N, C-alpha and C. Protein backbone atom coordinates (compact mmCIF):
# COMPACT_ATOMS: atom_id res chain seq x y z
N UNK A 1 35.03 10.05 44.68
CA UNK A 1 36.03 9.95 45.87
C UNK A 1 35.54 10.52 47.12
N UNK A 2 35.26 11.57 47.45
CA UNK A 2 34.56 12.00 48.42
C UNK A 2 33.71 11.31 49.95
N UNK A 3 32.91 9.98 48.57
CA UNK A 3 31.90 9.25 49.11
C UNK A 3 32.82 8.17 50.09
N UNK A 4 33.55 7.88 49.44
CA UNK A 4 35.09 6.56 49.92
C UNK A 4 35.22 6.99 51.06
N UNK A 5 35.88 8.77 51.10
CA UNK A 5 36.49 9.22 51.74
C UNK A 5 35.62 8.88 53.20
N UNK A 6 34.30 9.85 52.87
CA UNK A 6 33.35 9.33 53.55
C UNK A 6 33.35 8.52 54.14
N UNK A 7 32.63 7.36 53.72
CA UNK A 7 32.96 5.77 54.52
C UNK A 7 33.39 5.25 55.07
N UNK A 8 35.00 5.31 54.71
CA UNK A 8 35.72 5.23 55.99
C UNK A 8 36.07 5.50 56.99
N UNK A 9 35.80 7.17 57.07
CA UNK A 9 35.64 8.50 58.03
C UNK A 9 34.45 7.58 59.44
N UNK A 10 33.38 6.84 58.02
CA UNK A 10 32.41 6.54 59.19
C UNK A 10 31.07 7.67 59.19
N UNK A 11 30.93 8.68 58.54
CA UNK A 11 30.43 8.85 58.23
C UNK A 11 28.95 8.28 57.51
N UNK A 12 27.88 8.16 57.92
CA UNK A 12 26.37 7.38 56.55
C UNK A 12 26.58 7.68 55.50
N UNK A 13 26.50 9.26 55.51
CA UNK A 13 26.25 9.50 54.28
C UNK A 13 26.99 9.32 53.04
N UNK A 14 28.51 8.93 53.32
CA UNK A 14 29.47 8.37 52.71
C UNK A 14 28.78 7.28 51.37
N UNK A 15 28.43 6.08 52.21
CA UNK A 15 27.59 4.58 51.66
C UNK A 15 26.86 5.32 50.69
N UNK A 16 25.58 6.50 50.53
CA UNK A 16 24.78 6.36 49.99
C UNK A 16 25.74 7.38 48.93
N UNK A 17 26.81 7.84 48.67
CA UNK A 17 27.30 8.68 48.12
C UNK A 17 27.66 7.66 47.15
N UNK A 18 28.62 6.63 47.79
CA UNK A 18 29.80 5.77 47.15
C UNK A 18 28.74 4.81 46.46
N UNK A 19 27.24 4.34 46.47
CA UNK A 19 26.67 3.13 45.44
C UNK A 19 25.84 4.16 44.81
N UNK A 20 25.57 5.74 44.64
CA UNK A 20 25.07 6.12 43.74
C UNK A 20 25.69 6.21 42.50
N UNK A 21 27.14 6.65 43.16
CA UNK A 21 28.50 6.72 41.94
C UNK A 21 28.43 5.83 41.09
N UNK A 22 28.87 4.64 42.02
CA UNK A 22 28.31 3.15 41.54
C UNK A 22 27.44 3.13 40.75
N UNK A 23 25.79 3.04 41.17
CA UNK A 23 25.21 3.03 40.24
C UNK A 23 25.29 3.91 38.84
N UNK A 24 25.71 5.31 38.97
CA UNK A 24 25.79 5.63 37.50
C UNK A 24 27.32 5.77 36.49
N UNK A 25 27.93 5.25 37.01
CA UNK A 25 29.27 4.78 36.42
C UNK A 25 28.40 3.31 35.72
N UNK A 26 28.22 2.88 36.46
CA UNK A 26 27.53 1.15 35.63
C UNK A 26 26.07 1.70 34.68
N UNK A 27 25.56 2.36 34.87
CA UNK A 27 24.59 2.84 33.57
C UNK A 27 25.30 4.07 32.64
N UNK A 28 26.62 4.71 33.15
CA UNK A 28 27.43 5.17 31.84
C UNK A 28 28.16 3.89 31.09
N UNK A 29 28.67 3.37 31.81
CA UNK A 29 28.95 1.74 30.66
C UNK A 29 28.64 1.78 29.93
N UNK A 30 26.97 0.87 30.64
CA UNK A 30 26.21 0.46 29.16
C UNK A 30 25.69 0.97 28.61
N UNK A 31 25.82 2.56 28.80
CA UNK A 31 25.64 2.99 27.53
C UNK A 31 26.18 3.97 26.74
N UNK A 32 26.87 3.97 26.80
CA UNK A 32 28.37 3.77 26.29
C UNK A 32 28.46 2.53 25.28
N UNK A 33 27.99 2.06 25.99
CA UNK A 33 28.41 0.39 24.86
C UNK A 33 27.13 0.32 24.00
N UNK A 34 25.28 0.67 24.35
CA UNK A 34 25.09 0.86 23.82
C UNK A 34 25.57 1.64 22.57
N UNK A 35 25.77 3.11 22.55
CA UNK A 35 25.49 3.76 22.15
C UNK A 35 26.97 3.03 20.62
N UNK A 36 28.01 2.66 21.48
CA UNK A 36 29.23 2.04 19.88
C UNK A 36 28.20 1.16 19.13
N UNK A 37 27.47 -0.02 20.01
CA UNK A 37 27.38 -0.40 19.18
C UNK A 37 25.81 -0.43 18.34
N UNK A 38 25.12 0.60 18.46
CA UNK A 38 24.58 1.54 17.59
C UNK A 38 25.35 2.32 16.44
N UNK A 39 26.63 2.72 16.65
CA UNK A 39 27.15 3.61 15.80
C UNK A 39 27.89 2.77 15.03
N UNK A 40 28.38 1.23 15.12
CA UNK A 40 28.54 0.29 14.66
C UNK A 40 28.03 -0.32 13.50
N UNK A 41 26.59 -0.48 14.06
CA UNK A 41 25.09 -1.22 13.04
C UNK A 41 25.12 -0.20 12.14
N UNK A 42 25.54 1.04 12.12
CA UNK A 42 24.66 2.62 11.28
C UNK A 42 26.22 1.88 10.37
N UNK A 43 27.32 2.21 10.81
CA UNK A 43 28.17 2.51 9.91
C UNK A 43 28.23 0.84 9.20
N UNK A 44 28.33 -0.38 9.30
CA UNK A 44 28.19 -1.52 8.83
C UNK A 44 26.68 -1.16 7.49
N UNK A 45 26.00 -0.70 7.98
CA UNK A 45 24.75 -0.90 7.37
C UNK A 45 25.26 -0.07 5.81
N UNK A 46 25.56 1.13 6.20
CA UNK A 46 25.68 2.15 5.30
C UNK A 46 26.95 1.27 4.57
N UNK A 47 28.10 1.27 4.60
CA UNK A 47 29.30 0.58 4.08
C UNK A 47 28.78 -0.47 3.01
N UNK A 48 26.99 -1.61 3.69
CA UNK A 48 26.77 -2.45 3.04
C UNK A 48 26.32 -1.97 1.97
N UNK A 49 24.97 -0.86 2.18
CA UNK A 49 24.57 -0.22 1.46
C UNK A 49 24.97 0.47 0.47
N UNK A 50 26.49 0.94 0.64
CA UNK A 50 26.97 1.66 -0.62
C UNK A 50 27.47 0.89 -1.69
N UNK A 51 27.90 -0.51 -1.42
CA UNK A 51 27.82 -1.62 -1.85
C UNK A 51 29.85 -1.90 -2.12
N UNK A 52 30.39 -1.50 -0.74
CA UNK A 52 31.26 -1.78 0.03
C UNK A 52 31.66 -3.22 0.41
N UNK A 53 30.51 -3.89 0.45
CA UNK A 53 30.99 -4.92 1.08
C UNK A 53 29.68 -6.05 1.40
N UNK A 54 30.00 -6.87 1.40
CA UNK A 54 28.44 -7.77 0.66
C UNK A 54 27.43 -8.35 2.11
N UNK A 55 26.42 -8.38 1.85
CA UNK A 55 25.69 -7.75 3.20
C UNK A 55 25.30 -9.76 2.86
N UNK A 56 25.61 -11.02 2.75
CA UNK A 56 25.99 -12.22 2.44
C UNK A 56 27.32 -12.45 2.48
N UNK A 57 28.03 -12.40 3.38
CA UNK A 57 29.79 -12.75 3.57
C UNK A 57 29.64 -14.16 3.35
N UNK A 58 29.54 -15.02 2.09
CA UNK A 58 28.97 -16.23 2.23
C UNK A 58 30.56 -16.10 0.52
N UNK A 59 31.72 -17.20 1.18
CA UNK A 59 32.42 -18.29 0.12
C UNK A 59 31.69 -19.11 -0.61
N UNK A 60 32.13 -18.29 -2.15
CA UNK A 60 31.88 -20.14 -2.67
C UNK A 60 32.87 -20.05 -4.03
N UNK A 61 32.78 -21.59 -4.28
CA UNK A 61 33.33 -21.48 -5.32
C UNK A 61 33.69 -20.90 -6.56
N UNK A 62 34.14 -20.95 -7.25
CA UNK A 62 34.79 -20.17 -8.20
C UNK A 62 33.99 -20.99 -10.15
N UNK A 63 33.50 -22.02 -9.40
CA UNK A 63 32.34 -22.77 -10.88
C UNK A 63 31.20 -22.32 -10.20
N UNK A 64 31.04 -21.94 -9.40
CA UNK A 64 29.62 -21.79 -8.38
C UNK A 64 29.52 -20.12 -9.04
N UNK A 65 30.25 -19.54 -8.62
CA UNK A 65 30.19 -17.71 -9.10
C UNK A 65 30.91 -17.62 -10.90
N UNK A 66 31.04 -18.42 -11.89
CA UNK A 66 30.78 -17.85 -12.60
C UNK A 66 29.23 -18.51 -13.08
N UNK A 67 29.03 -19.28 -12.94
CA UNK A 67 27.73 -20.15 -12.89
C UNK A 67 26.32 -19.12 -12.24
N UNK A 68 26.30 -18.52 -11.34
CA UNK A 68 26.02 -16.97 -11.34
C UNK A 68 25.96 -15.97 -12.02
N UNK A 69 27.20 -15.72 -11.93
CA UNK A 69 27.74 -14.68 -13.03
C UNK A 69 26.82 -14.66 -14.78
N UNK A 70 26.85 -16.46 -15.21
CA UNK A 70 26.27 -16.24 -16.42
C UNK A 70 24.77 -16.53 -16.36
N UNK A 71 24.49 -16.06 -15.68
CA UNK A 71 23.21 -17.10 -15.90
C UNK A 71 22.22 -15.04 -16.49
N UNK A 72 21.24 -15.91 -17.73
CA UNK A 72 20.82 -14.92 -17.96
C UNK A 72 19.83 -13.50 -17.19
N UNK A 73 20.77 -12.52 -17.48
CA UNK A 73 20.27 -11.20 -16.40
C UNK A 73 21.15 -10.79 -15.51
N UNK A 74 22.03 -11.33 -15.12
CA UNK A 74 22.76 -11.53 -13.83
C UNK A 74 23.38 -10.01 -14.19
N UNK A 75 24.55 -9.89 -15.11
CA UNK A 75 25.05 -8.67 -14.88
C UNK A 75 25.21 -8.69 -16.57
N UNK A 76 26.06 -7.11 -17.06
CA UNK A 76 26.06 -7.51 -18.55
C UNK A 76 27.38 -6.47 -18.68
N UNK A 77 28.32 -7.21 -19.45
CA UNK A 77 29.78 -6.50 -19.31
C UNK A 77 30.71 -7.88 -20.49
N UNK A 78 31.86 -7.94 -20.09
CA UNK A 78 32.88 -8.70 -20.87
C UNK A 78 33.19 -9.54 -20.08
N UNK A 79 33.39 -11.12 -20.13
CA UNK A 79 33.70 -12.00 -19.80
C UNK A 79 34.93 -11.75 -18.96
N UNK A 80 35.39 -11.91 -17.85
CA UNK A 80 36.70 -11.58 -16.95
C UNK A 80 37.29 -13.62 -16.25
N UNK A 81 38.75 -13.36 -16.72
CA UNK A 81 38.82 -14.78 -16.34
C UNK A 81 38.95 -15.30 -14.63
N UNK A 82 39.29 -15.96 -14.23
CA UNK A 82 39.01 -16.20 -12.80
C UNK A 82 40.12 -17.01 -12.10
N UNK A 83 40.50 -16.41 -11.56
CA UNK A 83 41.75 -17.89 -10.91
C UNK A 83 41.55 -18.30 -9.28
N UNK A 84 41.31 -19.97 -9.70
CA UNK A 84 41.27 -20.09 -8.81
C UNK A 84 41.84 -20.25 -7.48
N UNK A 85 41.25 -19.96 -6.60
CA UNK A 85 41.92 -20.35 -5.10
C UNK A 85 43.46 -21.43 -4.69
């Protein structure tokens, strides 16, 4: 703010202060965006590793899902009836 006032008054140092402040602001915004992206990727990786979400987000037909589950050694447990969407 002081740089803008100095530049408006006509002090030559005002322009340098404004440019420095703008560069710092742009750098800060870039760093904040990068940090947010890293945090989101870490969260998504932890979420997927915990088994809450599929790393392969593909919708498949019920018959295809049944055939994958029925494959030898795929899963164990009792059969479950699947409703068609």
